[in-house]
N, C-alpha and C. Protein backbone atom coordinates (compact mmCIF):
# COMPACT_ATOMS: atom_id res chain seq x y z
N UNK A 1 -174.65 -6.60 187.30
CA UNK A 1 -174.79 -7.96 186.82
C UNK A 1 -176.27 -8.33 186.77
N UNK A 2 -176.60 -9.13 185.80
CA UNK A 2 -177.98 -9.59 185.63
C UNK A 2 -178.07 -11.06 186.04
N UNK A 3 -179.15 -11.40 186.74
CA UNK A 3 -179.40 -12.78 187.14
C UNK A 3 -180.80 -13.14 186.64
N UNK A 4 -180.92 -14.30 185.99
CA UNK A 4 -182.17 -14.68 185.32
C UNK A 4 -182.63 -16.06 185.79
N UNK A 5 -183.94 -16.20 185.94
CA UNK A 5 -184.56 -17.48 186.29
C UNK A 5 -185.74 -17.73 185.36
N UNK A 6 -185.90 -18.97 184.94
CA UNK A 6 -187.06 -19.38 184.14
C UNK A 6 -187.72 -20.56 184.83
N UNK A 7 -189.04 -20.55 184.79
CA UNK A 7 -189.82 -21.58 185.46
C UNK A 7 -191.04 -21.89 184.60
N UNK A 8 -191.40 -23.15 184.53
CA UNK A 8 -192.66 -23.51 183.86
C UNK A 8 -193.29 -24.66 184.62
N UNK A 9 -194.62 -24.68 184.64
CA UNK A 9 -195.34 -25.68 185.40
C UNK A 9 -196.75 -25.84 184.85
N UNK A 10 -197.37 -26.96 185.20
CA UNK A 10 -198.74 -27.25 184.77
C UNK A 10 -199.71 -26.25 185.39
N UNK A 11 -200.74 -25.92 184.63
CA UNK A 11 -201.75 -24.95 185.07
C UNK A 11 -202.71 -25.60 186.07
N UNK A 12 -202.18 -25.94 187.22
CA UNK A 12 -202.95 -26.51 188.31
C UNK A 12 -202.97 -25.52 189.45
N UNK A 13 -204.12 -25.34 190.10
CA UNK A 13 -204.22 -24.33 191.15
C UNK A 13 -203.24 -24.56 192.28
N UNK A 14 -202.89 -25.80 192.58
CA UNK A 14 -201.94 -26.05 193.66
C UNK A 14 -200.53 -25.57 193.32
N UNK A 15 -200.24 -25.29 192.06
CA UNK A 15 -198.93 -24.80 191.67
C UNK A 15 -198.77 -23.29 191.88
N UNK A 16 -199.86 -22.61 192.18
CA UNK A 16 -199.80 -21.16 192.43
C UNK A 16 -198.88 -20.86 193.60
N UNK A 17 -199.01 -21.60 194.69
CA UNK A 17 -198.15 -21.33 195.85
C UNK A 17 -196.70 -21.69 195.55
N UNK A 18 -196.47 -22.72 194.76
CA UNK A 18 -195.12 -23.09 194.33
C UNK A 18 -194.48 -21.92 193.57
N UNK A 19 -195.23 -21.33 192.65
CA UNK A 19 -194.71 -20.21 191.86
C UNK A 19 -194.39 -19.02 192.76
N UNK A 20 -195.28 -18.70 193.65
CA UNK A 20 -195.12 -17.56 194.56
C UNK A 20 -193.87 -17.72 195.42
N UNK A 21 -193.70 -18.89 196.01
CA UNK A 21 -192.56 -19.13 196.89
C UNK A 21 -191.25 -19.20 196.12
N UNK A 22 -191.28 -19.79 194.94
CA UNK A 22 -190.06 -19.90 194.12
C UNK A 22 -189.58 -18.52 193.69
N UNK A 23 -190.48 -17.69 193.22
CA UNK A 23 -190.09 -16.33 192.82
C UNK A 23 -189.57 -15.55 194.03
N UNK A 24 -190.25 -15.67 195.15
CA UNK A 24 -189.81 -14.97 196.37
C UNK A 24 -188.42 -15.42 196.80
N UNK A 25 -188.16 -16.72 196.71
CA UNK A 25 -186.84 -17.24 197.08
C UNK A 25 -185.74 -16.69 196.18
N UNK A 26 -186.04 -16.60 194.90
CA UNK A 26 -185.06 -16.07 193.95
C UNK A 26 -184.78 -14.59 194.21
N UNK A 27 -185.82 -13.84 194.50
CA UNK A 27 -185.70 -12.40 194.73
C UNK A 27 -185.03 -12.09 196.06
N UNK A 28 -185.11 -13.01 197.01
CA UNK A 28 -184.58 -12.77 198.36
C UNK A 28 -183.11 -12.39 198.37
N UNK A 29 -182.35 -12.79 197.36
CA UNK A 29 -180.93 -12.45 197.30
C UNK A 29 -180.69 -10.94 197.20
N UNK A 30 -181.72 -10.19 196.80
CA UNK A 30 -181.59 -8.72 196.73
C UNK A 30 -181.96 -8.06 198.05
N UNK A 31 -182.31 -8.86 199.05
CA UNK A 31 -182.67 -8.36 200.38
C UNK A 31 -183.81 -7.34 200.34
N UNK A 32 -184.95 -7.73 199.75
CA UNK A 32 -186.10 -6.81 199.73
C UNK A 32 -186.66 -6.63 201.14
N UNK A 33 -187.41 -5.56 201.33
CA UNK A 33 -188.12 -5.40 202.60
C UNK A 33 -189.22 -6.45 202.68
N UNK A 34 -189.73 -6.69 203.86
CA UNK A 34 -190.81 -7.66 204.01
C UNK A 34 -192.03 -7.22 203.20
N UNK A 35 -192.33 -5.92 203.21
CA UNK A 35 -193.46 -5.42 202.42
C UNK A 35 -193.25 -5.67 200.93
N UNK A 36 -192.03 -5.39 200.43
CA UNK A 36 -191.76 -5.61 199.00
C UNK A 36 -191.91 -7.08 198.64
N UNK A 37 -191.39 -7.95 199.49
CA UNK A 37 -191.49 -9.39 199.22
C UNK A 37 -192.95 -9.84 199.23
N UNK A 38 -193.72 -9.35 200.19
CA UNK A 38 -195.15 -9.69 200.26
C UNK A 38 -195.88 -9.19 199.02
N UNK A 39 -195.58 -7.98 198.58
CA UNK A 39 -196.23 -7.43 197.39
C UNK A 39 -195.89 -8.25 196.15
N UNK A 40 -194.64 -8.63 196.00
CA UNK A 40 -194.23 -9.42 194.83
C UNK A 40 -194.89 -10.79 194.87
N UNK A 41 -194.93 -11.43 196.03
CA UNK A 41 -195.60 -12.72 196.14
C UNK A 41 -197.07 -12.59 195.78
N UNK A 42 -197.70 -11.52 196.19
CA UNK A 42 -199.11 -11.30 195.89
C UNK A 42 -199.35 -11.13 194.40
N UNK A 43 -198.53 -10.33 193.72
CA UNK A 43 -198.75 -10.12 192.28
C UNK A 43 -198.47 -11.39 191.49
N UNK A 44 -197.48 -12.16 191.90
CA UNK A 44 -197.22 -13.44 191.23
C UNK A 44 -198.43 -14.35 191.40
N UNK A 45 -198.95 -14.39 192.60
CA UNK A 45 -200.14 -15.20 192.87
C UNK A 45 -201.31 -14.78 192.00
N UNK A 46 -201.56 -13.49 191.91
CA UNK A 46 -202.67 -12.98 191.09
C UNK A 46 -202.48 -13.33 189.61
N UNK A 47 -201.30 -13.10 189.08
CA UNK A 47 -201.06 -13.35 187.65
C UNK A 47 -201.13 -14.84 187.32
N UNK A 48 -200.55 -15.67 188.17
CA UNK A 48 -200.59 -17.11 187.93
C UNK A 48 -202.03 -17.63 188.03
N UNK A 49 -202.76 -17.16 189.03
CA UNK A 49 -204.16 -17.57 189.18
C UNK A 49 -204.97 -17.15 187.96
N UNK A 50 -204.73 -15.94 187.44
CA UNK A 50 -205.42 -15.51 186.21
C UNK A 50 -205.14 -16.46 185.06
N UNK A 51 -203.87 -16.85 184.91
CA UNK A 51 -203.52 -17.78 183.82
C UNK A 51 -204.25 -19.10 183.96
N UNK A 52 -204.27 -19.62 185.18
CA UNK A 52 -204.89 -20.93 185.42
C UNK A 52 -206.40 -20.87 185.25
N UNK A 53 -207.03 -19.90 185.91
CA UNK A 53 -208.51 -19.85 185.91
C UNK A 53 -209.08 -19.27 184.63
N UNK A 54 -208.52 -18.16 184.16
CA UNK A 54 -209.08 -17.48 182.99
C UNK A 54 -208.43 -17.94 181.69
N UNK A 55 -207.10 -18.00 181.67
CA UNK A 55 -206.41 -18.38 180.44
C UNK A 55 -206.67 -19.81 180.02
N UNK A 56 -206.51 -20.72 180.98
CA UNK A 56 -206.67 -22.14 180.67
C UNK A 56 -207.98 -22.73 181.16
N UNK A 57 -208.77 -21.94 181.88
CA UNK A 57 -210.04 -22.42 182.43
C UNK A 57 -209.85 -23.74 183.17
N UNK A 58 -208.81 -23.76 184.02
CA UNK A 58 -208.49 -24.92 184.87
C UNK A 58 -208.15 -26.19 184.09
N UNK A 59 -207.66 -26.04 182.87
CA UNK A 59 -207.20 -27.20 182.08
C UNK A 59 -205.77 -27.52 182.52
N UNK A 60 -205.54 -28.65 183.18
CA UNK A 60 -204.20 -28.97 183.68
C UNK A 60 -203.18 -29.23 182.58
N UNK A 61 -203.63 -29.33 181.35
CA UNK A 61 -202.69 -29.51 180.24
C UNK A 61 -202.01 -28.21 179.84
N UNK A 62 -202.53 -27.08 180.32
CA UNK A 62 -201.90 -25.80 180.04
C UNK A 62 -200.60 -25.67 180.81
N UNK A 63 -199.75 -24.78 180.34
CA UNK A 63 -198.46 -24.53 180.99
C UNK A 63 -198.33 -23.04 181.26
N UNK A 64 -197.92 -22.71 182.48
CA UNK A 64 -197.66 -21.32 182.87
C UNK A 64 -196.14 -21.15 182.88
N UNK A 65 -195.68 -20.05 182.28
CA UNK A 65 -194.25 -19.75 182.17
C UNK A 65 -193.94 -18.49 182.97
N UNK A 66 -192.88 -18.55 183.76
CA UNK A 66 -192.45 -17.37 184.52
C UNK A 66 -190.97 -17.15 184.26
N UNK A 67 -190.62 -15.90 184.01
CA UNK A 67 -189.22 -15.48 183.91
C UNK A 67 -189.02 -14.34 184.89
N UNK A 68 -187.91 -14.35 185.59
CA UNK A 68 -187.57 -13.28 186.52
C UNK A 68 -186.16 -12.81 186.19
N UNK A 69 -186.01 -11.50 186.08
CA UNK A 69 -184.69 -10.90 185.85
C UNK A 69 -184.42 -9.94 187.01
N UNK A 70 -183.28 -10.12 187.64
CA UNK A 70 -182.82 -9.20 188.68
C UNK A 70 -181.68 -8.40 188.08
N UNK A 71 -181.82 -7.08 188.08
CA UNK A 71 -180.78 -6.24 187.48
C UNK A 71 -180.86 -4.83 188.04
N UNK A 72 -179.73 -4.36 188.56
CA UNK A 72 -179.60 -2.98 189.05
C UNK A 72 -180.70 -2.60 190.04
N UNK A 73 -181.04 -3.49 190.96
CA UNK A 73 -182.04 -3.19 191.97
C UNK A 73 -183.48 -3.32 191.49
N UNK A 74 -183.66 -3.74 190.25
CA UNK A 74 -184.99 -3.94 189.70
C UNK A 74 -185.32 -5.43 189.63
N UNK A 75 -186.58 -5.72 189.83
CA UNK A 75 -187.11 -7.06 189.62
C UNK A 75 -188.06 -6.96 188.43
N UNK A 76 -187.80 -7.75 187.40
CA UNK A 76 -188.66 -7.80 186.22
C UNK A 76 -189.23 -9.22 186.14
N UNK A 77 -190.54 -9.33 186.20
CA UNK A 77 -191.22 -10.63 186.19
C UNK A 77 -192.13 -10.70 184.97
N UNK A 78 -192.02 -11.79 184.23
CA UNK A 78 -192.91 -12.03 183.10
C UNK A 78 -193.65 -13.33 183.37
N UNK A 79 -194.98 -13.26 183.32
CA UNK A 79 -195.82 -14.44 183.49
C UNK A 79 -196.63 -14.60 182.22
N UNK A 80 -196.48 -15.77 181.58
CA UNK A 80 -197.06 -15.98 180.26
C UNK A 80 -197.85 -17.28 180.23
N UNK A 81 -198.93 -17.25 179.47
CA UNK A 81 -199.67 -18.48 179.21
C UNK A 81 -200.02 -18.52 177.72
N UNK A 82 -200.43 -19.68 177.28
CA UNK A 82 -200.86 -19.89 175.90
C UNK A 82 -202.34 -20.25 175.89
N UNK A 83 -203.08 -19.58 176.75
CA UNK A 83 -204.50 -19.84 176.93
C UNK A 83 -205.38 -19.09 175.95
N UNK A 84 -206.59 -18.80 176.40
CA UNK A 84 -207.60 -18.23 175.50
C UNK A 84 -207.43 -16.74 175.25
N UNK A 85 -206.60 -16.06 176.02
CA UNK A 85 -206.37 -14.63 175.81
C UNK A 85 -207.47 -13.78 176.41
N UNK A 86 -207.24 -12.47 176.39
CA UNK A 86 -208.18 -11.50 176.95
C UNK A 86 -208.80 -10.72 175.80
N UNK A 87 -210.11 -10.72 175.73
CA UNK A 87 -210.81 -10.02 174.64
C UNK A 87 -210.63 -8.52 174.75
N UNK A 88 -210.80 -7.96 175.94
CA UNK A 88 -210.73 -6.51 176.13
C UNK A 88 -209.87 -6.21 177.36
N UNK A 89 -208.60 -5.88 177.13
CA UNK A 89 -207.66 -5.64 178.24
C UNK A 89 -208.10 -4.45 179.08
N UNK A 90 -208.56 -3.37 178.46
CA UNK A 90 -209.00 -2.20 179.23
C UNK A 90 -210.13 -2.57 180.19
N UNK A 91 -211.07 -3.36 179.72
CA UNK A 91 -212.17 -3.80 180.58
C UNK A 91 -211.65 -4.71 181.70
N UNK A 92 -210.73 -5.63 181.36
CA UNK A 92 -210.18 -6.57 182.35
C UNK A 92 -209.40 -5.84 183.44
N UNK A 93 -208.84 -4.67 183.13
CA UNK A 93 -208.07 -3.91 184.11
C UNK A 93 -208.95 -3.11 185.08
N UNK A 94 -210.24 -3.04 184.80
CA UNK A 94 -211.14 -2.27 185.67
C UNK A 94 -211.35 -2.99 187.00
N UNK A 95 -211.29 -2.24 188.10
CA UNK A 95 -211.55 -2.87 189.40
C UNK A 95 -212.92 -3.54 189.44
N UNK A 96 -212.96 -4.70 190.02
CA UNK A 96 -214.17 -5.50 190.23
C UNK A 96 -214.68 -6.21 188.97
N UNK A 97 -213.99 -6.04 187.83
CA UNK A 97 -214.42 -6.76 186.63
C UNK A 97 -213.95 -8.21 186.70
N UNK A 98 -214.85 -9.14 186.45
CA UNK A 98 -214.47 -10.55 186.38
C UNK A 98 -215.33 -11.25 185.34
N UNK A 99 -214.73 -12.21 184.68
CA UNK A 99 -215.50 -13.03 183.74
C UNK A 99 -215.96 -14.32 184.41
N UNK A 100 -215.62 -14.49 185.69
CA UNK A 100 -215.98 -15.71 186.41
C UNK A 100 -216.67 -15.39 187.74
N UNK A 101 -217.79 -14.66 187.71
CA UNK A 101 -218.46 -14.32 188.97
C UNK A 101 -218.94 -15.56 189.73
N UNK A 102 -219.21 -16.63 189.01
CA UNK A 102 -219.68 -17.85 189.66
C UNK A 102 -218.60 -18.48 190.55
N UNK A 103 -217.35 -18.11 190.32
CA UNK A 103 -216.25 -18.62 191.13
C UNK A 103 -215.93 -17.67 192.29
N UNK A 104 -216.76 -16.66 192.46
CA UNK A 104 -216.57 -15.66 193.51
C UNK A 104 -215.21 -14.98 193.39
N UNK A 105 -214.83 -14.67 192.17
CA UNK A 105 -213.59 -13.94 191.92
C UNK A 105 -213.84 -12.47 192.19
N UNK A 106 -212.87 -11.78 192.80
CA UNK A 106 -213.08 -10.38 193.18
C UNK A 106 -212.92 -9.40 192.02
N UNK A 107 -212.21 -9.81 190.98
CA UNK A 107 -211.98 -8.90 189.87
C UNK A 107 -210.96 -7.81 190.19
N UNK A 108 -210.10 -8.07 191.16
CA UNK A 108 -209.12 -7.07 191.59
C UNK A 108 -207.68 -7.43 191.21
N UNK A 109 -207.48 -8.51 190.48
CA UNK A 109 -206.13 -8.98 190.16
C UNK A 109 -205.23 -7.94 189.52
N UNK A 110 -205.69 -7.35 188.41
CA UNK A 110 -204.85 -6.36 187.72
C UNK A 110 -204.71 -5.09 188.56
N UNK A 111 -205.74 -4.72 189.29
CA UNK A 111 -205.67 -3.54 190.16
C UNK A 111 -204.61 -3.74 191.24
N UNK A 112 -204.58 -4.92 191.83
CA UNK A 112 -203.56 -5.24 192.84
C UNK A 112 -202.17 -5.18 192.22
N UNK A 113 -202.01 -5.76 191.04
CA UNK A 113 -200.71 -5.73 190.36
C UNK A 113 -200.26 -4.29 190.13
N UNK A 114 -201.17 -3.45 189.67
CA UNK A 114 -200.82 -2.06 189.37
C UNK A 114 -200.49 -1.27 190.64
N UNK A 115 -201.13 -1.61 191.76
CA UNK A 115 -200.84 -0.90 193.01
C UNK A 115 -199.52 -1.32 193.63
N UNK A 116 -199.12 -2.57 193.45
CA UNK A 116 -197.92 -3.08 194.11
C UNK A 116 -196.65 -2.98 193.27
N UNK A 117 -196.78 -2.81 191.97
CA UNK A 117 -195.61 -2.78 191.10
C UNK A 117 -195.42 -1.39 190.51
N UNK A 118 -194.20 -1.10 190.07
CA UNK A 118 -193.92 0.19 189.46
C UNK A 118 -194.44 0.25 188.03
N UNK A 119 -194.42 -0.89 187.35
CA UNK A 119 -194.87 -0.94 185.96
C UNK A 119 -195.54 -2.27 185.68
N UNK A 120 -196.68 -2.21 184.98
CA UNK A 120 -197.42 -3.42 184.59
C UNK A 120 -197.83 -3.26 183.14
N UNK A 121 -197.45 -4.22 182.31
CA UNK A 121 -197.93 -4.23 180.93
C UNK A 121 -198.59 -5.58 180.67
N UNK A 122 -199.65 -5.53 179.89
CA UNK A 122 -200.40 -6.73 179.57
C UNK A 122 -200.56 -6.79 178.06
N UNK A 123 -200.09 -7.88 177.47
CA UNK A 123 -200.26 -8.12 176.04
C UNK A 123 -201.03 -9.42 175.91
N UNK A 124 -202.07 -9.40 175.10
CA UNK A 124 -202.88 -10.60 174.97
C UNK A 124 -203.44 -10.71 173.56
N UNK A 125 -203.49 -11.94 173.09
CA UNK A 125 -204.09 -12.24 171.80
C UNK A 125 -205.11 -13.34 172.01
N UNK A 126 -206.34 -13.08 171.58
CA UNK A 126 -207.40 -14.08 171.73
C UNK A 126 -206.97 -15.38 171.07
N UNK A 127 -207.16 -16.48 171.76
CA UNK A 127 -206.83 -17.84 171.33
C UNK A 127 -205.33 -18.14 171.32
N UNK A 128 -204.50 -17.18 171.73
CA UNK A 128 -203.05 -17.42 171.74
C UNK A 128 -202.42 -17.26 173.10
N UNK A 129 -203.03 -16.46 173.98
CA UNK A 129 -202.48 -16.33 175.32
C UNK A 129 -202.22 -14.91 175.75
N UNK A 130 -201.66 -14.80 176.95
CA UNK A 130 -201.45 -13.52 177.60
C UNK A 130 -200.05 -13.46 178.19
N UNK A 131 -199.44 -12.27 178.11
CA UNK A 131 -198.15 -12.01 178.73
C UNK A 131 -198.32 -10.82 179.67
N UNK A 132 -198.01 -11.03 180.95
CA UNK A 132 -198.07 -9.97 181.95
C UNK A 132 -196.63 -9.68 182.37
N UNK A 133 -196.22 -8.42 182.21
CA UNK A 133 -194.87 -8.02 182.61
C UNK A 133 -194.98 -7.07 183.78
N UNK A 134 -194.24 -7.39 184.84
CA UNK A 134 -194.30 -6.65 186.09
C UNK A 134 -192.88 -6.20 186.46
N UNK A 135 -192.72 -4.94 186.82
CA UNK A 135 -191.40 -4.44 187.23
C UNK A 135 -191.51 -3.65 188.51
N UNK A 136 -190.49 -3.80 189.35
CA UNK A 136 -190.45 -3.08 190.62
C UNK A 136 -189.00 -2.80 190.98
N UNK A 137 -188.76 -1.56 191.42
CA UNK A 137 -187.45 -1.21 191.95
C UNK A 137 -187.48 -1.42 193.45
N UNK A 138 -186.52 -2.18 193.95
CA UNK A 138 -186.48 -2.44 195.38
C UNK A 138 -185.78 -1.31 196.09
N UNK A 139 -186.35 -0.89 197.20
CA UNK A 139 -185.89 0.32 197.89
C UNK A 139 -184.47 0.24 198.42
N UNK A 140 -184.05 -0.90 198.91
CA UNK A 140 -182.71 -0.99 199.49
C UNK A 140 -181.96 -2.21 198.96
N UNK A 141 -182.20 -2.54 197.74
CA UNK A 141 -181.67 -3.81 197.23
C UNK A 141 -180.14 -3.82 197.24
N UNK A 142 -179.65 -5.01 197.48
CA UNK A 142 -178.21 -5.24 197.39
C UNK A 142 -177.85 -5.42 195.92
N UNK A 143 -176.76 -4.83 195.53
CA UNK A 143 -176.30 -5.01 194.16
C UNK A 143 -175.80 -6.45 194.02
N UNK A 144 -176.08 -7.05 192.88
CA UNK A 144 -175.54 -8.37 192.62
C UNK A 144 -174.07 -8.23 192.30
N UNK A 145 -173.25 -9.01 192.94
CA UNK A 145 -171.82 -8.90 192.70
C UNK A 145 -171.44 -9.66 191.43
N UNK A 146 -170.39 -9.18 190.81
CA UNK A 146 -169.93 -9.81 189.56
C UNK A 146 -169.22 -11.09 189.80
C-alpha cells in the first residue's frame, strides 16, 4: 500500500523545523531506526533551507512544497520551489561550494543529502525553480497494512 502526504508553506526560515518535524512524524509509522529518522530530518532541513536561502533568497512570499510517499519500505521525498533555480547543478553538488559565503553557509547541503539517502536527483531551471528528489529504503520498516 502507498501512503502520500503533501505539504506547502511560506519560505520563512522558522518553517524549516516545522517541515523537518512534520516529515519525521509522517515517516514514523514505518518504524525507522533512530539513525534513519535523524538522517531524513537532516536532509529535509538541508533541502528546505536551500529553497528558502538560495531559491527564494529569504523572500517570504515564496512557497516551499514537500511531497512524501511511503511505499514498500521506501521513503520518497520531493522538495520543490519556484525560486531562481540553480545555474550549474554539478558545481552546486561539490562539497564546500556555496553562493552565499557571507551567510557562513558550509556548502555541504547536497553532499549531506547524497551521504544520507540512497538516491538524490536534482532538477533545476533558472528563473523557474528546483526539484530535489530523495529516496531511502528503511532497514526494518513495517509494511503499511491495506
